[in-house]
Amino acid sequence: MRGGVRPYCDVIEDLAREWAEMTYADRDRRLDKLGLTPKGKRDLRWRTPNEVKTIEKQAAKANVAKLHAVGKK
C-alpha cells in the first residue's frame, strides 16, 4: 500500500458503519457539507467579490425593515 491510501479507506469504512446510526438531520448536514444537495452546492459555490458586496447590501436593507413588538408591564 502507498502512504496515504489506507487512512482514507478507514475513514470511508467508518462513515459507512456510522451512516445507519446517524439521525436524518446529521445525514443532511453531512451531505450539505460535501456539496451533494442543492443547498450544499450553493454554499460551496465560489462568488466574486462583487457578488459578496451585493449580498451584504441586500442583507443590510432587510435588517432595516424588521419590527419588534414590546409588551408593556
PDB file of N, CA and C in Angstrom:
ATOM      1  N   MET A   1       0.831  -1.198   0.000  1.00  0.00           N
ATOM      2  CA  MET A   1       0.000   0.000   0.000  1.00  0.00           C
ATOM      3  C   MET A   1       0.869   1.253   0.000  1.00  0.00           C
ATOM      4  N   ARG A   2       0.357   2.288  -0.636  1.00  0.00           N
ATOM      5  CA  ARG A   2       1.078   3.553  -0.654  1.00  0.00           C
ATOM      6  C   ARG A   2       0.745   4.364   0.579  1.00  0.00           C
ATOM      7  N   GLY A   3       1.518   5.400   0.840  1.00  0.00           N
ATOM      8  CA  GLY A   3       1.435   6.234   2.032  1.00  0.00           C
ATOM      9  C   GLY A   3       0.055   6.579   2.557  1.00  0.00           C
ATOM     10  N   GLY A   4      -0.747   7.394   1.834  1.00  0.00           N
ATOM     11  CA  GLY A   4      -1.986   7.919   2.389  1.00  0.00           C
ATOM     12  C   GLY A   4      -3.242   7.193   1.983  1.00  0.00           C
ATOM     13  N   VAL A   5      -3.143   6.069   1.313  1.00  0.00           N
ATOM     14  CA  VAL A   5      -4.335   5.393   0.806  1.00  0.00           C
ATOM     15  C   VAL A   5      -5.122   4.722   1.926  1.00  0.00           C
ATOM     16  N   ARG A   6      -4.498   4.047   2.807  1.00  0.00           N
ATOM     17  CA  ARG A   6      -5.196   3.296   3.849  1.00  0.00           C
ATOM     18  C   ARG A   6      -5.997   4.180   4.807  1.00  0.00           C
ATOM     19  N   PRO A   7      -5.472   5.308   5.271  1.00  0.00           N
ATOM     20  CA  PRO A   7      -6.280   6.131   6.175  1.00  0.00           C
ATOM     21  C   PRO A   7      -7.598   6.587   5.547  1.00  0.00           C
ATOM     22  N   TYR A   8      -7.604   6.929   4.251  1.00  0.00           N
ATOM     23  CA  TYR A   8      -8.847   7.335   3.586  1.00  0.00           C
ATOM     24  C   TYR A   8      -9.828   6.182   3.532  1.00  0.00           C
ATOM     25  N   CYS A   9      -9.334   4.987   3.296  1.00  0.00           N
ATOM     26  CA  CYS A   9     -10.212   3.813   3.291  1.00  0.00           C
ATOM     27  C   CYS A   9     -10.839   3.601   4.667  1.00  0.00           C
ATOM     28  N   ASP A  10     -10.047   3.815   5.717  1.00  0.00           N
ATOM     29  CA  ASP A  10     -10.573   3.674   7.076  1.00  0.00           C
ATOM     30  C   ASP A  10     -11.682   4.688   7.347  1.00  0.00           C
ATOM     31  N   VAL A  11     -11.487   5.906   6.879  1.00  0.00           N
ATOM     32  CA  VAL A  11     -12.495   6.946   7.084  1.00  0.00           C
ATOM     33  C   VAL A  11     -13.788   6.585   6.363  1.00  0.00           C
ATOM     34  N   ILE A  12     -13.673   6.103   5.145  1.00  0.00           N
ATOM     35  CA  ILE A  12     -14.866   5.726   4.376  1.00  0.00           C
ATOM     36  C   ILE A  12     -15.582   4.557   5.037  1.00  0.00           C
ATOM     37  N   GLU A  13     -14.822   3.579   5.515  1.00  0.00           N
ATOM     38  CA  GLU A  13     -15.441   2.437   6.195  1.00  0.00           C
ATOM     39  C   GLU A  13     -16.145   2.870   7.475  1.00  0.00           C
ATOM     40  N   ASP A  14     -15.522   3.768   8.231  1.00  0.00           N
ATOM     41  CA  ASP A  14     -16.150   4.278   9.457  1.00  0.00           C
ATOM     42  C   ASP A  14     -17.449   5.013   9.131  1.00  0.00           C
ATOM     43  N   LEU A  15     -17.431   5.837   8.102  1.00  0.00           N
ATOM     44  CA  LEU A  15     -18.631   6.562   7.703  1.00  0.00           C
ATOM     45  C   LEU A  15     -19.736   5.594   7.283  1.00  0.00           C
ATOM     46  N   ALA A  16     -19.381   4.563   6.557  1.00  0.00           N
ATOM     47  CA  ALA A  16     -20.381   3.583   6.115  1.00  0.00           C
ATOM     48  C   ALA A  16     -21.010   2.874   7.317  1.00  0.00           C
ATOM     49  N   ARG A  17     -20.196   2.556   8.324  1.00  0.00           N
ATOM     50  CA  ARG A  17     -20.730   1.903   9.513  1.00  0.00           C
ATOM     51  C   ARG A  17     -21.634   2.835  10.308  1.00  0.00           C
ATOM     52  N   GLU A  18     -21.235   4.102  10.421  1.00  0.00           N
ATOM     53  CA  GLU A  18     -21.975   5.065  11.233  1.00  0.00           C
ATOM     54  C   GLU A  18     -23.218   5.615  10.531  1.00  0.00           C
ATOM     55  N   TRP A  19     -23.305   5.488   9.217  1.00  0.00           N
ATOM     56  CA  TRP A  19     -24.388   6.100   8.447  1.00  0.00           C
ATOM     57  C   TRP A  19     -25.759   5.628   8.928  1.00  0.00           C
ATOM     58  N   ALA A  20     -25.898   4.345   9.193  1.00  0.00           N
ATOM     59  CA  ALA A  20     -27.192   3.802   9.619  1.00  0.00           C
ATOM     60  C   ALA A  20     -27.584   4.310  11.010  1.00  0.00           C
ATOM     61  N   GLU A  21     -26.607   4.649  11.827  1.00  0.00           N
ATOM     62  CA  GLU A  21     -26.881   5.110  13.183  1.00  0.00           C
ATOM     63  C   GLU A  21     -27.124   6.613  13.261  1.00  0.00           C
ATOM     64  N   MET A  22     -26.797   7.351  12.199  1.00  0.00           N
ATOM     65  CA  MET A  22     -26.970   8.802  12.204  1.00  0.00           C
ATOM     66  C   MET A  22     -28.443   9.176  12.114  1.00  0.00           C
ATOM     67  N   THR A  23     -28.781  10.322  12.724  1.00  0.00           N
ATOM     68  CA  THR A  23     -30.137  10.843  12.560  1.00  0.00           C
ATOM     69  C   THR A  23     -30.238  11.456  11.169  1.00  0.00           C
ATOM     70  N   TYR A  24     -31.473  11.686  10.712  1.00  0.00           N
ATOM     71  CA  TYR A  24     -31.659  12.281   9.391  1.00  0.00           C
ATOM     72  C   TYR A  24     -31.036  13.670   9.320  1.00  0.00           C
ATOM     73  N   ALA A  25     -31.102  14.426  10.415  1.00  0.00           N
ATOM     74  CA  ALA A  25     -30.514  15.769  10.430  1.00  0.00           C
ATOM     75  C   ALA A  25     -28.998  15.691  10.259  1.00  0.00           C
ATOM     76  N   ASP A  26     -28.354  14.726  10.920  1.00  0.00           N
ATOM     77  CA  ASP A  26     -26.903  14.561  10.772  1.00  0.00           C
ATOM     78  C   ASP A  26     -26.535  14.155   9.351  1.00  0.00           C
ATOM     79  N   ARG A  27     -27.340  13.281   8.765  1.00  0.00           N
ATOM     80  CA  ARG A  27     -27.090  12.873   7.386  1.00  0.00           C
ATOM     81  C   ARG A  27     -27.210  14.073   6.446  1.00  0.00           C
ATOM     82  N   ASP A  28     -28.263  14.873   6.628  1.00  0.00           N
ATOM     83  CA  ASP A  28     -28.464  16.044   5.775  1.00  0.00           C
ATOM     84  C   ASP A  28     -27.304  17.022   5.903  1.00  0.00           C
ATOM     85  N   ARG A  29     -26.847  17.270   7.145  1.00  0.00           N
ATOM     86  CA  ARG A  29     -25.706  18.165   7.342  1.00  0.00           C
ATOM     87  C   ARG A  29     -24.462  17.628   6.648  1.00  0.00           C
ATOM     88  N   ARG A  30     -24.230  16.332   6.757  1.00  0.00           N
ATOM     89  CA  ARG A  30     -23.051  15.730   6.132  1.00  0.00           C
ATOM     90  C   ARG A  30     -23.134  15.869   4.609  1.00  0.00           C
ATOM     91  N   LEU A  31     -24.319  15.603   4.035  1.00  0.00           N
ATOM     92  CA  LEU A  31     -24.487  15.723   2.588  1.00  0.00           C
ATOM     93  C   LEU A  31     -24.332  17.169   2.135  1.00  0.00           C
ATOM     94  N   ASP A  32     -24.840  18.112   2.936  1.00  0.00           N
ATOM     95  CA  ASP A  32     -24.692  19.533   2.611  1.00  0.00           C
ATOM     96  C   ASP A  32     -23.221  19.934   2.573  1.00  0.00           C
ATOM     97  N   LYS A  33     -22.465  19.527   3.581  1.00  0.00           N
ATOM     98  CA  LYS A  33     -21.050  19.904   3.651  1.00  0.00           C
ATOM     99  C   LYS A  33     -20.243  19.310   2.505  1.00  0.00           C
ATOM    100  N   LEU A  34     -20.673  18.168   1.996  1.00  0.00           N
ATOM    101  CA  LEU A  34     -19.988  17.548   0.873  1.00  0.00           C
ATOM    102  C   LEU A  34     -20.431  18.112  -0.467  1.00  0.00           C
ATOM    103  N   GLY A  35     -21.477  18.958  -0.462  1.00  0.00           N
ATOM    104  CA  GLY A  35     -21.971  19.542  -1.707  1.00  0.00           C
ATOM    105  C   GLY A  35     -22.830  18.588  -2.512  1.00  0.00           C
ATOM    106  N   LEU A  36     -23.459  17.631  -1.846  1.00  0.00           N
ATOM    107  CA  LEU A  36     -24.265  16.630  -2.542  1.00  0.00           C
ATOM    108  C   LEU A  36     -25.753  16.964  -2.566  1.00  0.00           C
ATOM    109  N   THR A  37     -26.129  18.132  -2.074  1.00  0.00           N
ATOM    110  CA  THR A  37     -27.518  18.600  -2.120  1.00  0.00           C
ATOM    111  C   THR A  37     -27.520  19.977  -2.775  1.00  0.00           C
ATOM    112  N   PRO A  38     -28.673  20.438  -3.259  1.00  0.00           N
ATOM    113  CA  PRO A  38     -28.716  21.785  -3.855  1.00  0.00           C
ATOM    114  C   PRO A  38     -28.222  22.870  -2.894  1.00  0.00           C
ATOM    115  N   LYS A  39     -28.606  22.780  -1.616  1.00  0.00           N
ATOM    116  CA  LYS A  39     -28.147  23.769  -0.629  1.00  0.00           C
ATOM    117  C   LYS A  39     -26.629  23.702  -0.477  1.00  0.00           C
ATOM    118  N   GLY A  40     -26.090  22.502  -0.405  1.00  0.00           N
ATOM    119  CA  GLY A  40     -24.657  22.338  -0.271  1.00  0.00           C
ATOM    120  C   GLY A  40     -23.897  22.888  -1.469  1.00  0.00           C
ATOM    121  N   LYS A  41     -24.446  22.700  -2.662  1.00  0.00           N
ATOM    122  CA  LYS A  41     -23.811  23.236  -3.864  1.00  0.00           C
ATOM    123  C   LYS A  41     -23.807  24.758  -3.835  1.00  0.00           C
ATOM    124  N   ARG A  42     -24.922  25.354  -3.387  1.00  0.00           N
ATOM    125  CA  ARG A  42     -24.991  26.821  -3.284  1.00  0.00           C
ATOM    126  C   ARG A  42     -23.978  27.336  -2.270  1.00  0.00           C
ATOM    127  N   ASP A  43     -23.891  26.667  -1.125  1.00  0.00           N
ATOM    128  CA  ASP A  43     -22.983  27.112  -0.067  1.00  0.00           C
ATOM    129  C   ASP A  43     -21.522  27.017  -0.494  1.00  0.00           C
ATOM    130  N   LEU A  44     -21.177  26.018  -1.284  1.00  0.00           N
ATOM    131  CA  LEU A  44     -19.791  25.807  -1.688  1.00  0.00           C
ATOM    132  C   LEU A  44     -19.397  26.575  -2.947  1.00  0.00           C
ATOM    133  N   ARG A  45     -20.371  27.206  -3.591  1.00  0.00           N
ATOM    134  CA  ARG A  45     -20.095  27.906  -4.843  1.00  0.00           C
ATOM    135  C   ARG A  45     -19.188  29.106  -4.599  1.00  0.00           C
ATOM    136  N   TRP A  46     -18.185  29.267  -5.444  1.00  0.00           N
ATOM    137  CA  TRP A  46     -17.290  30.409  -5.338  1.00  0.00           C
ATOM    138  C   TRP A  46     -18.010  31.643  -5.844  1.00  0.00           C
ATOM    139  N   ARG A  47     -17.891  32.760  -5.117  1.00  0.00           N
ATOM    140  CA  ARG A  47     -18.536  34.003  -5.507  1.00  0.00           C
ATOM    141  C   ARG A  47     -17.479  35.076  -5.737  1.00  0.00           C
ATOM    142  N   THR A  48     -17.753  35.946  -6.723  1.00  0.00           N
ATOM    143  CA  THR A  48     -16.841  37.056  -6.985  1.00  0.00           C
ATOM    144  C   THR A  48     -16.989  38.081  -5.870  1.00  0.00           C
ATOM    145  N   PRO A  49     -16.004  38.934  -5.673  1.00  0.00           N
ATOM    146  CA  PRO A  49     -16.120  39.975  -4.647  1.00  0.00           C
ATOM    147  C   PRO A  49     -17.332  40.884  -4.848  1.00  0.00           C
ATOM    148  N   ASN A  50     -17.706  41.156  -6.102  1.00  0.00           N
ATOM    149  CA  ASN A  50     -18.883  41.986  -6.370  1.00  0.00           C
ATOM    150  C   ASN A  50     -20.169  41.303  -5.911  1.00  0.00           C
ATOM    151  N   GLU A  51     -20.255  40.002  -6.106  1.00  0.00           N
ATOM    152  CA  GLU A  51     -21.432  39.266  -5.640  1.00  0.00           C
ATOM    153  C   GLU A  51     -21.548  39.335  -4.118  1.00  0.00           C
ATOM    154  N   VAL A  52     -20.422  39.220  -3.435  1.00  0.00           N
ATOM    155  CA  VAL A  52     -20.416  39.269  -1.972  1.00  0.00           C
ATOM    156  C   VAL A  52     -20.901  40.629  -1.494  1.00  0.00           C
ATOM    157  N   LYS A  53     -20.432  41.708  -2.145  1.00  0.00           N
ATOM    158  CA  LYS A  53     -20.859  43.056  -1.778  1.00  0.00           C
ATOM    159  C   LYS A  53     -22.363  43.219  -1.975  1.00  0.00           C
ATOM    160  N   THR A  54     -22.876  42.706  -3.079  1.00  0.00           N
ATOM    161  CA  THR A  54     -24.311  42.805  -3.360  1.00  0.00           C
ATOM    162  C   THR A  54     -25.121  42.060  -2.301  1.00  0.00           C
ATOM    163  N   ILE A  55     -24.674  40.891  -1.924  1.00  0.00           N
ATOM    164  CA  ILE A  55     -25.373  40.096  -0.906  1.00  0.00           C
ATOM    165  C   ILE A  55     -25.370  40.836   0.430  1.00  0.00           C
ATOM    166  N   GLU A  56     -24.239  41.438   0.779  1.00  0.00           N
ATOM    167  CA  GLU A  56     -24.157  42.181   2.046  1.00  0.00           C
ATOM    168  C   GLU A  56     -25.089  43.389   2.037  1.00  0.00           C
ATOM    169  N   LYS A  57     -25.183  44.097   0.909  1.00  0.00           N
ATOM    170  CA  LYS A  57     -26.083  45.246   0.806  1.00  0.00           C
ATOM    171  C   LYS A  57     -27.538  44.808   0.969  1.00  0.00           C
ATOM    172  N   GLN A  58     -27.915  43.707   0.327  1.00  0.00           N
ATOM    173  CA  GLN A  58     -29.283  43.204   0.440  1.00  0.00           C
ATOM    174  C   GLN A  58     -29.598  42.795   1.863  1.00  0.00           C
ATOM    175  N   ALA A  59     -28.649  42.211   2.551  1.00  0.00           N
ATOM    176  CA  ALA A  59     -28.860  41.807   3.941  1.00  0.00           C
ATOM    177  C   ALA A  59     -29.048  43.037   4.830  1.00  0.00           C
ATOM    178  N   ALA A  60     -28.279  44.098   4.560  1.00  0.00           N
ATOM    179  CA  ALA A  60     -28.404  45.323   5.350  1.00  0.00           C
ATOM    180  C   ALA A  60     -29.774  45.959   5.140  1.00  0.00           C
ATOM    181  N   LYS A  61     -30.275  45.968   3.910  1.00  0.00           N
ATOM    182  CA  LYS A  61     -31.609  46.514   3.633  1.00  0.00           C
ATOM    183  C   LYS A  61     -32.685  45.689   4.337  1.00  0.00           C
ATOM    184  N   ALA A  62     -32.518  44.384   4.371  1.00  0.00           N
ATOM    185  CA  ALA A  62     -33.508  43.509   5.004  1.00  0.00           C
ATOM    186  C   ALA A  62     -33.557  43.743   6.505  1.00  0.00           C
ATOM    187  N   ASN A  63     -32.441  44.059   7.138  1.00  0.00           N
ATOM    188  CA  ASN A  63     -32.402  44.295   8.578  1.00  0.00           C
ATOM    189  C   ASN A  63     -33.127  45.572   8.967  1.00  0.00           C
ATOM    190  N   VAL A  64     -33.191  46.559   8.084  1.00  0.00           N
ATOM    191  CA  VAL A  64     -33.837  47.826   8.389  1.00  0.00           C
ATOM    192  C   VAL A  64     -35.350  47.639   8.551  1.00  0.00           C
ATOM    193  N   ALA A  65     -35.921  46.728   7.808  1.00  0.00           N
ATOM    194  CA  ALA A  65     -37.369  46.567   7.770  1.00  0.00           C
ATOM    195  C   ALA A  65     -37.925  45.753   8.946  1.00  0.00           C
ATOM    196  N   LYS A  66     -37.100  45.271   9.867  1.00  0.00           N
ATOM    197  CA  LYS A  66     -37.592  44.441  10.968  1.00  0.00           C
ATOM    198  C   LYS A  66     -38.327  45.294  12.014  1.00  0.00           C
ATOM    199  N   LEU A  67     -39.430  44.779  12.511  1.00  0.00           N
ATOM    200  CA  LEU A  67     -40.191  45.426  13.575  1.00  0.00           C
ATOM    201  C   LEU A  67     -40.147  44.546  14.819  1.00  0.00           C
ATOM    202  N   HIS A  68     -40.109  45.181  15.973  1.00  0.00           N
ATOM    203  CA  HIS A  68     -40.086  44.438  17.229  1.00  0.00           C
ATOM    204  C   HIS A  68     -41.276  44.872  18.083  1.00  0.00           C
ATOM    205  N   ALA A  69     -42.054  43.925  18.550  1.00  0.00           N
ATOM    206  CA  ALA A  69     -43.173  44.223  19.425  1.00  0.00           C
ATOM    207  C   ALA A  69     -42.701  44.106  20.873  1.00  0.00           C
ATOM    208  N   VAL A  70     -42.999  45.127  21.671  1.00  0.00           N
ATOM    209  CA  VAL A  70     -42.585  45.135  23.056  1.00  0.00           C
ATOM    210  C   VAL A  70     -43.824  45.272  23.907  1.00  0.00           C
ATOM    211  N   GLY A  71     -44.015  44.356  24.839  1.00  0.00           N
ATOM    212  CA  GLY A  71     -45.192  44.397  25.706  1.00  0.00           C
ATOM    213  C   GLY A  71     -44.957  45.334  26.885  1.00  0.00           C
ATOM    214  N   LYS A  72     -46.030  45.999  27.333  1.00  0.00           N
ATOM    215  CA  LYS A  72     -45.932  46.903  28.489  1.00  0.00           C
ATOM    216  C   LYS A  72     -46.215  46.105  29.755  1.00  0.00           C
ATOM    217  N   LYS A  73     -45.506  46.437  30.806  1.00  0.00           N
ATOM    218  CA  LYS A  73     -45.716  45.751  32.081  1.00  0.00           C
ATOM    219  C   LYS A  73     -46.135  46.732  33.128  1.00  0.00           C
TER     220      LYS A  73
END
